Protein backbone atom coordinates (compact mmCIF):
# COMPACT_ATOMS: atom_id res chain seq x y z
CA UNK A 1 16.61 -22.97 24.26
CA UNK A 2 16.29 -21.04 27.55
CA UNK A 3 15.23 -17.92 25.67
CA UNK A 4 12.65 -19.83 23.71
CA UNK A 5 11.24 -21.28 26.95
CA UNK A 6 11.04 -17.80 28.50
CA UNK A 7 9.51 -16.44 25.31
CA UNK A 8 6.88 -19.18 25.35
CA UNK A 9 6.16 -18.61 29.07
CA UNK A 10 5.74 -14.87 28.67
CA UNK A 11 3.82 -15.49 25.48
CA UNK A 12 1.58 -17.85 27.44
CA UNK A 13 0.77 -15.12 29.94
CA UNK A 14 0.21 -12.68 27.08
CA UNK A 15 -2.01 -15.24 25.37
CA UNK A 16 -3.99 -15.74 28.57
CA UNK A 17 -4.51 -11.97 28.71
CA UNK A 18 -5.58 -11.99 25.07
CA UNK A 19 -8.01 -14.89 25.60
CA UNK A 20 -9.50 -13.25 28.71
CA UNK A 21 -10.03 -10.02 26.80
CA UNK A 22 -11.46 -11.93 23.83
CA UNK A 23 -14.00 -13.68 26.04
CA UNK A 24 -14.82 -10.47 27.90
CA UNK A 25 -15.38 -8.50 24.69
CA UNK A 26 -17.39 -11.25 22.95
CA UNK A 27 -19.50 -12.46 25.87
CA UNK A 28 -20.39 -8.92 26.92
CA UNK A 29 -21.19 -8.08 23.27
CA UNK A 30 -18.74 -5.17 23.31
CA UNK A 31 -17.04 -6.32 20.09
CA UNK A 32 -17.63 -8.95 17.41
CA UNK A 33 -15.22 -11.90 17.47
CA UNK A 34 -12.64 -10.72 14.92
CA UNK A 35 -12.38 -7.23 16.45
CA UNK A 36 -12.28 -8.72 19.95
CA UNK A 37 -9.38 -10.98 18.95
CA UNK A 38 -7.49 -8.05 17.43
CA UNK A 39 -8.11 -5.80 20.43
CA UNK A 40 -6.97 -8.52 22.84
CA UNK A 41 -3.83 -9.04 20.78
CA UNK A 42 -2.92 -5.37 20.80
CA UNK A 43 -3.63 -4.87 24.51
CA UNK A 44 -1.75 -8.01 25.59
CA UNK A 45 1.25 -6.91 23.53
CA UNK A 46 1.97 -4.15 26.08
CA UNK A 47 2.75 -6.72 28.78
CA UNK A 48 4.55 -8.85 26.21
CA UNK A 49 6.95 -6.05 25.25
CA UNK A 50 7.86 -5.23 28.82
CA UNK A 51 8.42 -8.84 29.90
CA UNK A 52 10.39 -9.89 26.82
CA UNK A 53 12.55 -6.78 26.95
CA UNK A 54 13.53 -7.36 30.57
CA UNK A 55 13.46 -11.14 31.00
CA UNK A 56 13.61 -13.12 27.75
CA UNK A 57 16.14 -11.06 25.85
CA UNK A 58 17.55 -8.97 28.73
CA UNK A 59 17.88 -6.20 26.22
CA UNK A 60 20.08 -3.19 26.76
CA UNK A 61 18.82 -1.53 23.60
CA UNK A 62 17.27 1.90 23.94
CA UNK A 63 13.44 1.83 24.00
CA UNK A 64 13.49 4.52 21.32
CA UNK A 65 15.18 1.93 19.13
CA UNK A 66 13.17 -1.17 20.12
CA UNK A 67 9.62 0.20 20.43
CA UNK A 68 9.21 1.25 16.78
CA UNK A 69 10.42 -2.19 15.67
CA UNK A 70 8.15 -3.84 18.24
CA UNK A 71 5.14 -1.88 16.98
CA UNK A 72 5.91 -3.08 13.46
CA UNK A 73 6.33 -6.65 14.74
CA UNK A 74 2.99 -6.37 16.57
CA UNK A 75 1.49 -5.24 13.28
CA UNK A 76 2.89 -8.33 11.54
CA UNK A 77 1.70 -10.61 14.34
CA UNK A 78 -1.67 -8.85 14.53
CA UNK A 79 -2.18 -9.22 10.79
CA UNK A 80 -1.20 -12.89 10.87
CA UNK A 81 -3.30 -13.64 13.95
CA UNK A 82 -6.36 -11.76 12.69
CA UNK A 83 -6.26 -13.31 9.21
CA UNK A 84 -5.84 -16.82 10.62
CA UNK A 85 -8.48 -16.23 13.30
CA UNK A 86 -11.03 -14.92 10.78
CA UNK A 87 -10.28 -17.83 8.42
CA UNK A 88 -10.64 -20.48 11.11
CA UNK A 89 -13.77 -18.82 12.48
CA UNK A 90 -15.34 -18.78 9.02
CA UNK A 91 -14.38 -22.43 8.48
CA UNK A 92 -15.90 -23.52 11.80
CA UNK A 93 -19.03 -21.43 11.38
CA UNK A 94 -19.66 -22.72 7.85
CA UNK A 95 -18.26 -26.24 7.63
CA UNK A 96 -17.14 -27.73 10.93
CA UNK A 97 -19.69 -27.80 13.70
CA UNK A 98 -18.12 -28.00 17.16
CA UNK A 99 -21.04 -28.33 19.57
CA UNK A 100 -18.87 -28.78 22.67
CA UNK A 101 -16.97 -25.48 22.52
CA UNK A 102 -17.31 -21.94 21.23
CA UNK A 103 -15.95 -21.69 17.69
CA UNK A 104 -14.15 -18.44 18.38
CA UNK A 105 -12.06 -20.03 21.15
CA UNK A 106 -10.89 -22.88 18.92
CA UNK A 107 -10.15 -20.42 16.10
CA UNK A 108 -8.08 -18.29 18.48
CA UNK A 109 -6.20 -21.30 19.82
CA UNK A 110 -5.18 -22.37 16.30
CA UNK A 111 -4.29 -18.84 15.17
CA UNK A 112 -2.17 -18.31 18.29
CA UNK A 113 -0.27 -21.55 17.79
CA UNK A 114 0.80 -20.57 14.29
CA UNK A 115 1.54 -16.94 15.14
CA UNK A 116 3.86 -17.70 18.10
CA UNK A 117 6.61 -19.17 15.90
CA UNK A 118 6.63 -16.14 13.61
CA UNK A 119 6.70 -13.82 16.63
CA UNK A 120 9.72 -15.52 18.20
CA UNK A 121 11.77 -15.21 15.02
CA UNK A 122 10.88 -11.53 14.61
CA UNK A 123 11.67 -10.77 18.27
CA UNK A 124 14.94 -12.67 18.48
CA UNK A 125 16.52 -11.67 15.21
CA UNK A 126 15.19 -8.18 14.75
CA UNK A 127 13.72 -6.40 17.78
CA UNK A 128 16.00 -7.41 20.65
CA UNK A 129 19.10 -8.29 18.66
CA UNK A 130 22.23 -6.84 20.20
CA UNK A 131 24.26 -4.68 17.88
């Protein structure tokens, strides 16, 4: 349970980084919403790797062994997050008007909530697993 709490805390900081980058990219018109979400996910994953390696899982595994698996896990999480984000965004833009908040923020919140569970399982049982 302690590891899950640490994972969620570090994930929360990573998510904050992702949301800040999402808003920055979208509001400055640097990237459209789906690309901004994906870019924020990838960039926030750098902090996420470092913090989970050292604090959540206190891994002693060689980085040469963990980084390739982490990159694959980021790919899985990125694919899940981006697909969910794009689906929710489309749903809100076409069927569910939310006048009180930006659709892309709600879509990201929902996509993140679903993706975090998948990410924990992949991290715990595959990336940082002790041999």
